[in-house]
Amino acid sequence: MQGGRKARIWPEVYDAYGDLCKAHGVMLSDLISLILLFAPFEAPALIRVVLMDNWDFTSVQAGLFIADLASKLLENVETVAEGEDLSELLEKYKETAKGASYAKLRPKKLKPGRRAEESRE
């Protein structure tokens, strides 16, 4: 896998993850990449809530974003993952993503102040 891309991470978040990663011998960049890779498959509701609460996405828009993200990740990572441990895991997610209707997923909890109607769009 290649690295070198830069992402802006809030200092408070970086410090918390960085300190723990250092203490446990985990590469922070690998942890972040794996979290971002598996989030659309394992935690789509989390992505939905983040998009709806911070960028005013509707539930449907967030679902379409997640579906597009999952598709793009599978497409991009498939070429890199051959021969890596990720290839077996990705096969599992390909089956999950086929025909999945991420647009119909609902967040489990609403933040205080968010109207319930907004999550049902």
Protein backbone atom coordinates (compact mmCIF):
# COMPACT_ATOMS: atom_id res chain seq x y z
CA MET A 1 0.00 0.00 0.00
CA GLN A 2 1.17 3.49 -0.66
CA GLY A 3 1.17 6.34 1.79
CA GLY A 4 2.12 9.93 1.82
CA ARG A 5 -1.27 11.58 1.52
CA LYS A 6 -1.82 14.34 4.03
CA ALA A 7 -5.00 14.95 5.98
CA ARG A 8 -5.71 17.68 8.47
CA ILE A 9 -6.54 16.16 11.85
CA TRP A 10 -7.55 18.30 14.79
CA PRO A 11 -4.66 18.45 17.28
CA GLU A 12 -6.77 17.16 20.18
CA VAL A 13 -7.84 14.12 18.16
CA TYR A 14 -4.34 13.49 16.85
CA ASP A 15 -2.85 13.67 20.34
CA ALA A 16 -5.36 11.22 21.83
CA TYR A 17 -4.94 8.66 19.04
CA GLY A 18 -1.20 9.32 18.66
CA ASP A 19 -0.40 8.76 22.33
CA LEU A 20 -2.33 5.49 22.46
CA CYS A 21 -0.92 4.25 19.17
CA LYS A 22 2.61 4.97 20.31
CA ALA A 23 2.03 3.20 23.63
CA HIS A 24 0.68 0.09 21.87
CA GLY A 25 2.99 -0.03 18.86
CA VAL A 26 0.24 0.76 16.34
CA MET A 27 0.96 2.99 13.35
CA LEU A 28 -1.50 5.87 13.52
CA SER A 29 -1.72 6.20 9.73
CA ASP A 30 -2.62 2.51 9.37
CA LEU A 31 -5.26 2.75 12.09
CA ILE A 32 -6.85 5.78 10.47
CA SER A 33 -6.79 4.16 7.03
CA LEU A 34 -8.42 0.98 8.32
CA ILE A 35 -11.09 2.91 10.23
CA LEU A 36 -11.91 4.95 7.13
CA LEU A 37 -11.89 1.83 4.97
CA PHE A 38 -14.29 -0.21 7.10
CA ALA A 39 -16.57 2.57 8.42
CA PRO A 40 -19.05 2.55 5.49
CA PHE A 41 -19.55 -1.20 5.96
CA GLU A 42 -19.39 -1.56 9.74
CA ALA A 43 -20.71 1.82 10.89
CA PRO A 44 -22.76 3.48 8.13
CA ALA A 45 -25.08 5.01 10.73
CA LEU A 46 -22.13 6.86 12.23
CA ILE A 47 -21.23 8.39 8.86
CA ARG A 48 -24.90 9.25 8.29
CA VAL A 49 -25.16 11.12 11.60
CA VAL A 50 -21.91 13.00 10.98
CA LEU A 51 -23.05 14.12 7.52
CA MET A 52 -26.54 15.08 8.68
CA ASP A 53 -25.39 16.95 11.78
CA ASN A 54 -22.41 18.76 10.31
CA TRP A 55 -23.21 19.33 6.64
CA ASP A 56 -27.01 19.38 6.61
CA PHE A 57 -27.35 16.26 4.45
CA THR A 58 -30.78 14.70 4.38
CA SER A 59 -30.99 11.04 5.32
CA VAL A 60 -31.33 10.09 1.66
CA GLN A 61 -28.37 12.25 0.60
CA ALA A 62 -26.24 10.73 3.36
CA GLY A 63 -27.29 7.23 2.31
CA LEU A 64 -26.33 7.90 -1.29
CA PHE A 65 -22.99 9.32 -0.14
CA ILE A 66 -22.32 6.18 1.91
CA ALA A 67 -23.28 3.88 -0.97
CA ASP A 68 -21.01 5.80 -3.37
CA LEU A 69 -18.20 5.76 -0.81
CA ALA A 70 -18.52 1.99 -0.26
CA SER A 71 -18.50 1.38 -4.00
CA LYS A 72 -15.48 3.63 -4.58
CA LEU A 73 -13.55 2.06 -1.70
CA LEU A 74 -14.15 -1.44 -3.02
CA GLU A 75 -13.06 -0.34 -6.48
CA ASN A 76 -9.92 1.47 -5.28
CA VAL A 77 -8.78 -0.98 -2.64
CA GLU A 78 -9.40 -4.12 -4.66
CA THR A 79 -6.44 -3.36 -6.92
CA VAL A 80 -4.13 -2.69 -3.97
CA ALA A 81 -5.34 -5.46 -1.67
CA GLU A 82 -4.31 -8.43 -3.81
CA GLY A 83 -1.87 -10.50 -1.78
CA GLU A 84 -2.56 -8.50 1.35
CA ASP A 85 -4.59 -9.55 4.39
CA LEU A 86 -7.30 -7.12 3.32
CA SER A 87 -8.35 -9.10 0.26
CA GLU A 88 -10.34 -11.69 2.24
CA LEU A 89 -12.04 -9.02 4.32
CA LEU A 90 -12.97 -7.04 1.23
CA GLU A 91 -14.66 -10.06 -0.34
CA LYS A 92 -17.01 -10.13 2.65
CA TYR A 93 -17.87 -6.46 2.13
CA LYS A 94 -18.43 -6.83 -1.60
CA GLU A 95 -21.22 -9.28 -0.88
CA THR A 96 -22.64 -6.95 1.78
CA ALA A 97 -22.54 -3.96 -0.57
CA LYS A 98 -24.29 -5.71 -3.48
CA GLY A 99 -27.84 -4.47 -3.50
CA ALA A 100 -27.49 -2.79 -0.12
CA SER A 101 -29.83 0.13 0.30
CA TYR A 102 -27.78 2.51 2.41
CA ALA A 103 -30.36 5.22 1.71
CA LYS A 104 -32.83 3.34 3.93
CA LEU A 105 -30.52 3.02 6.96
CA ARG A 106 -31.57 5.11 9.92
CA PRO A 107 -29.36 6.55 12.62
CA LYS A 108 -29.97 4.71 15.89
CA LYS A 109 -30.07 7.87 18.01
CA LEU A 110 -30.79 11.45 17.21
CA LYS A 111 -28.79 14.24 18.72
CA PRO A 112 -30.75 16.46 21.10
CA GLY A 113 -32.59 19.10 19.15
CA ARG A 114 -32.71 17.16 15.87
CA ARG A 115 -36.24 16.64 14.65
CA ALA A 116 -37.27 13.03 14.11
CA GLU A 117 -38.82 13.92 10.74
CA GLU A 118 -35.36 14.81 9.39
CA SER A 119 -34.14 11.23 9.88
CA ARG A 120 -37.08 9.77 7.98
CA GLU A 121 -36.57 11.60 4.68
